[in-house]
Amino acid sequence: MDKTKVDDMLIEMISPRIKSIEEKFSRGEGLDQEDINTLLLKSQYNHINHLDLKLNEVTADVASLKDDFSGLKGEFSGLKGEFIGLRGDFSDLKNEFKLSETRVNARFDTFEKNIELKISQAINTNMRWSIGMIALIVTVLKLADMFV
């Protein structure tokens, strides 16, 4: 998992407190509100790290798709060059292939735009959830702070 220094620092800051809470709980003692808040905070750090990991996976998939589509465009360009080289006796065939290539490129462009749209929507949805979870955490912590 690619953690930032801030992630590591935050986890390290609450780790001693988490250990003491675990020991307290294993002894059968009750947990106070601060203990519960610390456990919730650790849970949210883990959740945010998980969301970051998923976002990295989606980003890597998008980059991979762009490379694949670039390779396909290169192959179509190569085909175009081969057909242009056969000018002599095949001028009618050349015109037919140019028309087909135009149709394929138009379909490919439409397909590529649809894929980009779906990827963009997935990233936007993931970001909305992340921001929503962060807002929820801040709200819960603020409410907890107000009542404590």
N, C-alpha and C. Protein backbone atom coordinates (compact mmCIF):
# COMPACT_ATOMS: atom_id res chain seq x y z
N MET A 1 0.86 -1.17 0.00
CA MET A 1 0.00 0.00 0.00
C MET A 1 0.90 1.24 0.00
N ASP A 2 0.60 2.20 -0.84
CA ASP A 2 1.38 3.42 -0.92
C ASP A 2 0.84 4.40 0.12
N LYS A 3 1.52 4.48 1.25
CA LYS A 3 1.09 5.41 2.28
C LYS A 3 1.93 6.67 2.21
N THR A 4 1.35 7.75 2.58
CA THR A 4 2.09 8.99 2.66
C THR A 4 2.71 9.10 4.04
N LYS A 5 3.62 10.02 4.21
CA LYS A 5 4.23 10.23 5.52
C LYS A 5 3.19 10.67 6.54
N VAL A 6 2.20 11.42 6.07
CA VAL A 6 1.14 11.89 6.97
C VAL A 6 0.32 10.70 7.46
N ASP A 7 -0.01 9.75 6.54
CA ASP A 7 -0.74 8.56 6.96
C ASP A 7 0.02 7.81 8.04
N ASP A 8 1.31 7.59 7.79
CA ASP A 8 2.13 6.87 8.77
C ASP A 8 2.18 7.62 10.09
N MET A 9 2.33 8.93 10.03
CA MET A 9 2.43 9.73 11.25
C MET A 9 1.12 9.66 12.04
N LEU A 10 0.00 9.73 11.35
CA LEU A 10 -1.29 9.69 12.03
C LEU A 10 -1.51 8.34 12.71
N ILE A 11 -1.20 7.28 12.00
CA ILE A 11 -1.36 5.94 12.58
C ILE A 11 -0.41 5.77 13.76
N GLU A 12 0.83 6.23 13.61
CA GLU A 12 1.80 6.13 14.70
C GLU A 12 1.34 6.93 15.92
N MET A 13 0.69 8.07 15.68
CA MET A 13 0.25 8.90 16.79
C MET A 13 -0.80 8.20 17.65
N ILE A 14 -1.68 7.45 17.02
CA ILE A 14 -2.75 6.83 17.79
C ILE A 14 -2.45 5.38 18.16
N SER A 15 -1.37 4.79 17.63
CA SER A 15 -1.06 3.38 17.90
C SER A 15 -0.87 3.09 19.39
N PRO A 16 -0.11 3.91 20.16
CA PRO A 16 0.00 3.60 21.59
C PRO A 16 -1.35 3.63 22.30
N ARG A 17 -2.18 4.57 21.91
CA ARG A 17 -3.51 4.68 22.53
C ARG A 17 -4.34 3.44 22.16
N ILE A 18 -4.23 2.98 20.91
CA ILE A 18 -4.97 1.79 20.47
C ILE A 18 -4.53 0.57 21.28
N LYS A 19 -3.23 0.43 21.50
CA LYS A 19 -2.72 -0.70 22.29
C LYS A 19 -3.27 -0.66 23.71
N SER A 20 -3.30 0.52 24.30
CA SER A 20 -3.81 0.61 25.67
C SER A 20 -5.32 0.32 25.71
N ILE A 21 -6.03 0.69 24.68
CA ILE A 21 -7.46 0.40 24.61
C ILE A 21 -7.67 -1.11 24.47
N GLU A 22 -6.85 -1.75 23.63
CA GLU A 22 -6.96 -3.19 23.46
C GLU A 22 -6.68 -3.92 24.78
N GLU A 23 -5.67 -3.47 25.51
CA GLU A 23 -5.35 -4.07 26.80
C GLU A 23 -6.50 -3.85 27.79
N LYS A 24 -7.03 -2.66 27.80
CA LYS A 24 -8.15 -2.33 28.68
C LYS A 24 -9.36 -3.21 28.37
N PHE A 25 -9.63 -3.39 27.10
CA PHE A 25 -10.77 -4.20 26.68
C PHE A 25 -10.54 -5.67 27.01
N SER A 26 -9.30 -6.15 26.82
CA SER A 26 -9.01 -7.57 27.12
C SER A 26 -9.12 -7.86 28.61
N ARG A 27 -8.94 -6.85 29.45
CA ARG A 27 -9.11 -7.02 30.90
C ARG A 27 -10.59 -6.97 31.29
N GLY A 28 -11.44 -6.70 30.34
CA GLY A 28 -12.87 -6.67 30.62
C GLY A 28 -13.37 -5.32 31.10
N GLU A 29 -12.53 -4.31 31.03
CA GLU A 29 -12.95 -2.99 31.47
C GLU A 29 -13.78 -2.32 30.37
N GLY A 30 -14.65 -1.43 30.77
CA GLY A 30 -15.47 -0.70 29.82
C GLY A 30 -14.67 0.37 29.10
N LEU A 31 -15.15 0.76 27.95
CA LEU A 31 -14.49 1.79 27.16
C LEU A 31 -15.23 3.11 27.34
N ASP A 32 -14.46 4.19 27.46
CA ASP A 32 -15.10 5.50 27.57
C ASP A 32 -15.24 6.10 26.17
N GLN A 33 -15.83 7.27 26.10
CA GLN A 33 -16.10 7.90 24.81
C GLN A 33 -14.80 8.20 24.05
N GLU A 34 -13.77 8.59 24.74
CA GLU A 34 -12.49 8.89 24.09
C GLU A 34 -11.91 7.62 23.46
N ASP A 35 -12.04 6.49 24.14
CA ASP A 35 -11.58 5.21 23.59
C ASP A 35 -12.33 4.88 22.31
N ILE A 36 -13.63 5.05 22.36
CA ILE A 36 -14.47 4.74 21.20
C ILE A 36 -14.11 5.68 20.04
N ASN A 37 -13.91 6.95 20.33
CA ASN A 37 -13.54 7.91 19.28
C ASN A 37 -12.19 7.54 18.66
N THR A 38 -11.25 7.11 19.48
CA THR A 38 -9.94 6.72 18.95
C THR A 38 -10.07 5.50 18.03
N LEU A 39 -10.89 4.53 18.44
CA LEU A 39 -11.12 3.36 17.59
C LEU A 39 -11.80 3.75 16.28
N LEU A 40 -12.76 4.67 16.38
CA LEU A 40 -13.42 5.15 15.15
C LEU A 40 -12.44 5.87 14.25
N LEU A 41 -11.56 6.65 14.83
CA LEU A 41 -10.56 7.37 14.05
C LEU A 41 -9.64 6.40 13.31
N LYS A 42 -9.19 5.36 14.01
CA LYS A 42 -8.33 4.36 13.36
C LYS A 42 -9.08 3.68 12.22
N SER A 43 -10.35 3.36 12.47
CA SER A 43 -11.17 2.73 11.44
C SER A 43 -11.28 3.63 10.21
N GLN A 44 -11.46 4.93 10.43
CA GLN A 44 -11.59 5.86 9.30
C GLN A 44 -10.27 6.01 8.55
N TYR A 45 -9.14 6.02 9.29
CA TYR A 45 -7.84 6.06 8.61
C TYR A 45 -7.69 4.85 7.70
N ASN A 46 -8.06 3.69 8.21
CA ASN A 46 -7.96 2.47 7.41
C ASN A 46 -8.88 2.55 6.19
N HIS A 47 -10.08 3.09 6.39
CA HIS A 47 -11.03 3.21 5.28
C HIS A 47 -10.52 4.18 4.22
N ILE A 48 -9.99 5.29 4.65
CA ILE A 48 -9.45 6.28 3.69
C ILE A 48 -8.28 5.68 2.94
N ASN A 49 -7.41 4.96 3.64
CA ASN A 49 -6.28 4.30 2.95
C ASN A 49 -6.79 3.29 1.92
N HIS A 50 -7.85 2.57 2.27
CA HIS A 50 -8.43 1.61 1.33
C HIS A 50 -8.98 2.33 0.10
N LEU A 51 -9.68 3.44 0.31
CA LEU A 51 -10.21 4.21 -0.81
C LEU A 51 -9.08 4.77 -1.68
N ASP A 52 -8.01 5.22 -1.05
CA ASP A 52 -6.86 5.71 -1.81
C ASP A 52 -6.27 4.60 -2.67
N LEU A 53 -6.19 3.40 -2.12
CA LEU A 53 -5.67 2.26 -2.87
C LEU A 53 -6.55 1.96 -4.08
N LYS A 54 -7.85 1.97 -3.87
CA LYS A 54 -8.77 1.73 -4.98
C LYS A 54 -8.67 2.82 -6.04
N LEU A 55 -8.51 4.06 -5.60
CA LEU A 55 -8.36 5.16 -6.55
C LEU A 55 -7.09 4.99 -7.36
N ASN A 56 -6.02 4.54 -6.72
CA ASN A 56 -4.77 4.28 -7.44
C ASN A 56 -4.96 3.17 -8.47
N GLU A 57 -5.74 2.14 -8.12
CA GLU A 57 -6.00 1.06 -9.06
C GLU A 57 -6.78 1.57 -10.27
N VAL A 58 -7.79 2.40 -10.03
CA VAL A 58 -8.59 2.95 -11.12
C VAL A 58 -7.71 3.82 -12.02
N THR A 59 -6.85 4.62 -11.40
CA THR A 59 -5.96 5.48 -12.17
C THR A 59 -5.02 4.65 -13.03
N ALA A 60 -4.49 3.57 -12.47
CA ALA A 60 -3.60 2.69 -13.24
C ALA A 60 -4.36 2.03 -14.39
N ASP A 61 -5.61 1.63 -14.14
CA ASP A 61 -6.42 1.03 -15.20
C ASP A 61 -6.68 2.03 -16.33
N VAL A 62 -6.95 3.27 -15.96
CA VAL A 62 -7.18 4.32 -16.97
C VAL A 62 -5.92 4.52 -17.81
N ALA A 63 -4.77 4.58 -17.17
CA ALA A 63 -3.51 4.75 -17.90
C ALA A 63 -3.27 3.57 -18.83
N SER A 64 -3.57 2.37 -18.36
CA SER A 64 -3.40 1.17 -19.18
C SER A 64 -4.32 1.20 -20.40
N LEU A 65 -5.57 1.64 -20.18
CA LEU A 65 -6.50 1.74 -21.29
C LEU A 65 -6.03 2.75 -22.34
N LYS A 66 -5.50 3.87 -21.87
CA LYS A 66 -4.99 4.87 -22.81
C LYS A 66 -3.86 4.31 -23.65
N ASP A 67 -2.96 3.53 -23.02
CA ASP A 67 -1.87 2.90 -23.77
C ASP A 67 -2.40 1.91 -24.80
N ASP A 68 -3.41 1.11 -24.39
CA ASP A 68 -4.00 0.15 -25.31
C ASP A 68 -4.62 0.85 -26.51
N PHE A 69 -5.35 1.93 -26.26
CA PHE A 69 -5.99 2.65 -27.35
C PHE A 69 -4.96 3.33 -28.25
N SER A 70 -3.89 3.81 -27.67
CA SER A 70 -2.83 4.41 -28.49
C SER A 70 -2.21 3.36 -29.40
N GLY A 71 -2.02 2.16 -28.86
CA GLY A 71 -1.48 1.06 -29.68
C GLY A 71 -2.41 0.72 -30.83
N LEU A 72 -3.71 0.71 -30.56
CA LEU A 72 -4.68 0.42 -31.63
C LEU A 72 -4.66 1.50 -32.71
N LYS A 73 -4.54 2.74 -32.27
CA LYS A 73 -4.47 3.83 -33.26
C LYS A 73 -3.24 3.67 -34.14
N GLY A 74 -2.12 3.27 -33.50
CA GLY A 74 -0.89 3.04 -34.26
C GLY A 74 -1.06 1.93 -35.28
N GLU A 75 -1.76 0.87 -34.90
CA GLU A 75 -1.99 -0.24 -35.83
C GLU A 75 -2.86 0.20 -37.00
N PHE A 76 -3.89 1.00 -36.73
CA PHE A 76 -4.72 1.50 -37.81
C PHE A 76 -3.93 2.43 -38.73
N SER A 77 -3.04 3.21 -38.16
CA SER A 77 -2.20 4.09 -38.99
C SER A 77 -1.29 3.24 -39.88
N GLY A 78 -0.76 2.15 -39.32
CA GLY A 78 0.08 1.26 -40.12
C GLY A 78 -0.69 0.64 -41.27
N LEU A 79 -1.93 0.23 -41.00
CA LEU A 79 -2.77 -0.33 -42.07
C LEU A 79 -3.03 0.70 -43.16
N LYS A 80 -3.25 1.91 -42.73
CA LYS A 80 -3.49 2.99 -43.70
C LYS A 80 -2.28 3.13 -44.62
N GLY A 81 -1.09 3.10 -44.02
CA GLY A 81 0.13 3.21 -44.82
C GLY A 81 0.29 2.07 -45.81
N GLU A 82 -0.05 0.87 -45.39
CA GLU A 82 0.05 -0.27 -46.31
C GLU A 82 -0.90 -0.13 -47.49
N PHE A 83 -2.10 0.31 -47.24
CA PHE A 83 -3.07 0.43 -48.33
C PHE A 83 -2.72 1.57 -49.28
N ILE A 84 -2.15 2.63 -48.74
CA ILE A 84 -1.73 3.73 -49.62
C ILE A 84 -0.60 3.26 -50.54
N GLY A 85 0.25 2.34 -50.04
CA GLY A 85 1.35 1.80 -50.84
C GLY A 85 0.89 0.94 -52.01
N LEU A 86 -0.32 0.49 -52.01
CA LEU A 86 -0.84 -0.36 -53.08
C LEU A 86 -1.62 0.43 -54.13
N ARG A 87 -1.19 1.62 -54.43
CA ARG A 87 -1.95 2.53 -55.30
C ARG A 87 -2.24 1.94 -56.69
N GLY A 88 -1.22 1.62 -57.43
CA GLY A 88 -1.32 1.18 -58.83
C GLY A 88 -2.65 0.62 -59.26
N ASP A 89 -2.78 -0.69 -59.19
CA ASP A 89 -3.95 -1.39 -59.71
C ASP A 89 -5.12 -1.42 -58.74
N PHE A 90 -4.91 -0.96 -57.56
CA PHE A 90 -5.95 -1.11 -56.53
C PHE A 90 -6.54 0.23 -56.07
N SER A 91 -6.66 1.18 -56.94
CA SER A 91 -7.16 2.49 -56.51
C SER A 91 -8.61 2.39 -56.01
N ASP A 92 -9.44 1.54 -56.65
CA ASP A 92 -10.82 1.38 -56.17
C ASP A 92 -10.82 0.75 -54.78
N LEU A 93 -9.95 -0.25 -54.61
CA LEU A 93 -9.86 -0.91 -53.32
C LEU A 93 -9.38 0.07 -52.25
N LYS A 94 -8.44 0.92 -52.64
CA LYS A 94 -7.91 1.93 -51.72
C LYS A 94 -9.03 2.87 -51.26
N ASN A 95 -9.85 3.33 -52.16
CA ASN A 95 -10.95 4.22 -51.79
C ASN A 95 -11.94 3.53 -50.85
N GLU A 96 -12.19 2.26 -51.13
CA GLU A 96 -13.10 1.50 -50.28
C GLU A 96 -12.54 1.35 -48.86
N PHE A 97 -11.25 1.09 -48.78
CA PHE A 97 -10.64 0.95 -47.46
C PHE A 97 -10.56 2.27 -46.71
N LYS A 98 -10.35 3.36 -47.42
CA LYS A 98 -10.36 4.66 -46.76
C LYS A 98 -11.72 4.93 -46.14
N LEU A 99 -12.77 4.59 -46.88
CA LEU A 99 -14.11 4.78 -46.37
C LEU A 99 -14.33 3.90 -45.13
N SER A 100 -13.87 2.64 -45.20
CA SER A 100 -14.01 1.73 -44.06
C SER A 100 -13.21 2.23 -42.87
N GLU A 101 -12.01 2.72 -43.16
CA GLU A 101 -11.17 3.24 -42.07
C GLU A 101 -11.83 4.42 -41.38
N THR A 102 -12.46 5.27 -42.16
CA THR A 102 -13.16 6.42 -41.59
C THR A 102 -14.28 5.95 -40.67
N ARG A 103 -15.02 4.93 -41.13
CA ARG A 103 -16.09 4.39 -40.29
C ARG A 103 -15.52 3.78 -39.00
N VAL A 104 -14.44 3.04 -39.15
CA VAL A 104 -13.83 2.40 -37.98
C VAL A 104 -13.31 3.47 -37.02
N ASN A 105 -12.65 4.48 -37.56
CA ASN A 105 -12.14 5.56 -36.70
C ASN A 105 -13.29 6.28 -36.00
N ALA A 106 -14.38 6.49 -36.71
CA ALA A 106 -15.53 7.16 -36.11
C ALA A 106 -16.10 6.29 -34.98
N ARG A 107 -16.22 4.99 -35.24
CA ARG A 107 -16.72 4.09 -34.20
C ARG A 107 -15.73 4.00 -33.04
N PHE A 108 -14.46 3.93 -33.39
CA PHE A 108 -13.43 3.85 -32.35
C PHE A 108 -13.44 5.12 -31.48
N ASP A 109 -13.57 6.27 -32.13
CA ASP A 109 -13.61 7.52 -31.37
C ASP A 109 -14.83 7.55 -30.45
N THR A 110 -15.97 7.08 -30.95
CA THR A 110 -17.18 7.02 -30.13
C THR A 110 -16.98 6.06 -28.96
N PHE A 111 -16.40 4.89 -29.26
CA PHE A 111 -16.12 3.90 -28.21
C PHE A 111 -15.16 4.47 -27.18
N GLU A 112 -14.12 5.14 -27.64
CA GLU A 112 -13.12 5.73 -26.73
C GLU A 112 -13.77 6.81 -25.85
N LYS A 113 -14.62 7.62 -26.43
CA LYS A 113 -15.30 8.66 -25.65
C LYS A 113 -16.22 8.03 -24.61
N ASN A 114 -16.91 6.95 -24.98
CA ASN A 114 -17.78 6.27 -24.01
C ASN A 114 -16.97 5.69 -22.87
N ILE A 115 -15.84 5.08 -23.18
CA ILE A 115 -14.97 4.51 -22.13
C ILE A 115 -14.46 5.63 -21.23
N GLU A 116 -14.00 6.73 -21.82
CA GLU A 116 -13.49 7.85 -21.02
C GLU A 116 -14.60 8.42 -20.12
N LEU A 117 -15.81 8.49 -20.65
CA LEU A 117 -16.94 8.99 -19.86
C LEU A 117 -17.21 8.07 -18.67
N LYS A 118 -17.23 6.76 -18.91
CA LYS A 118 -17.49 5.81 -17.83
C LYS A 118 -16.39 5.86 -16.78
N ILE A 119 -15.16 5.97 -17.22
CA ILE A 119 -14.04 6.05 -16.27
C ILE A 119 -14.15 7.34 -15.47
N SER A 120 -14.45 8.43 -16.14
CA SER A 120 -14.61 9.71 -15.45
C SER A 120 -15.74 9.65 -14.43
N GLN A 121 -16.84 9.02 -14.80
CA GLN A 121 -17.96 8.89 -13.87
C GLN A 121 -17.56 8.05 -12.66
N ALA A 122 -16.80 6.98 -12.90
CA ALA A 122 -16.36 6.12 -11.79
C ALA A 122 -15.44 6.89 -10.85
N ILE A 123 -14.53 7.66 -11.42
CA ILE A 123 -13.62 8.45 -10.58
C ILE A 123 -14.41 9.50 -9.80
N ASN A 124 -15.35 10.17 -10.46
CA ASN A 124 -16.16 11.18 -9.77
C ASN A 124 -16.97 10.57 -8.64
N THR A 125 -17.56 9.41 -8.88
CA THR A 125 -18.33 8.72 -7.84
C THR A 125 -17.43 8.37 -6.66
N ASN A 126 -16.25 7.84 -6.96
CA ASN A 126 -15.31 7.47 -5.90
C ASN A 126 -14.88 8.70 -5.09
N MET A 127 -14.64 9.80 -5.76
CA MET A 127 -14.24 11.02 -5.07
C MET A 127 -15.39 11.56 -4.22
N ARG A 128 -16.62 11.49 -4.74
CA ARG A 128 -17.77 11.95 -3.95
C ARG A 128 -17.89 11.14 -2.66
N TRP A 129 -17.74 9.83 -2.79
CA TRP A 129 -17.81 8.98 -1.58
C TRP A 129 -16.70 9.34 -0.61
N SER A 130 -15.50 9.54 -1.14
CA SER A 130 -14.38 9.89 -0.26
C SER A 130 -14.64 11.20 0.46
N ILE A 131 -15.07 12.20 -0.27
CA ILE A 131 -15.34 13.51 0.33
C ILE A 131 -16.51 13.40 1.31
N GLY A 132 -17.52 12.62 0.96
CA GLY A 132 -18.65 12.43 1.85
C GLY A 132 -18.24 11.76 3.15
N MET A 133 -17.38 10.74 3.04
CA MET A 133 -16.91 10.05 4.24
C MET A 133 -16.08 10.98 5.11
N ILE A 134 -15.25 11.79 4.49
CA ILE A 134 -14.43 12.74 5.25
C ILE A 134 -15.35 13.75 5.95
N ALA A 135 -16.35 14.24 5.25
CA ALA A 135 -17.29 15.20 5.85
C ALA A 135 -18.03 14.55 7.01
N LEU A 136 -18.43 13.29 6.83
CA LEU A 136 -19.11 12.57 7.90
C LEU A 136 -18.20 12.42 9.11
N ILE A 137 -16.96 12.07 8.88
CA ILE A 137 -16.01 11.91 9.98
C ILE A 137 -15.85 13.23 10.74
N VAL A 138 -15.66 14.30 9.98
CA VAL A 138 -15.47 15.62 10.62
C VAL A 138 -16.72 16.00 11.41
N THR A 139 -17.89 15.74 10.85
CA THR A 139 -19.14 16.06 11.54
C THR A 139 -19.29 15.25 12.82
N VAL A 140 -19.02 13.94 12.72
CA VAL A 140 -19.14 13.08 13.90
C VAL A 140 -18.15 13.51 14.97
N LEU A 141 -16.93 13.79 14.56
CA LEU A 141 -15.93 14.22 15.54
C LEU A 141 -16.29 15.58 16.15
N LYS A 142 -16.84 16.47 15.35
CA LYS A 142 -17.24 17.77 15.87
C LYS A 142 -18.40 17.63 16.86
N LEU A 143 -19.36 16.77 16.52
CA LEU A 143 -20.48 16.52 17.42
C LEU A 143 -19.98 15.87 18.72
N ALA A 144 -19.07 14.94 18.58
CA ALA A 144 -18.51 14.29 19.75
C ALA A 144 -17.77 15.30 20.61
N ASP A 145 -17.08 16.21 19.95
CA ASP A 145 -16.34 17.25 20.68
C ASP A 145 -17.29 18.18 21.42
N MET A 146 -18.45 18.46 20.80
CA MET A 146 -19.42 19.35 21.41
C MET A 146 -20.04 18.71 22.67
N PHE A 147 -20.25 17.40 22.65
CA PHE A 147 -20.89 16.71 23.75
C PHE A 147 -19.92 16.29 24.84
N VAL A 148 -18.64 16.32 24.56
CA VAL A 148 -17.65 15.88 25.55
C VAL A 148 -17.13 17.02 26.34
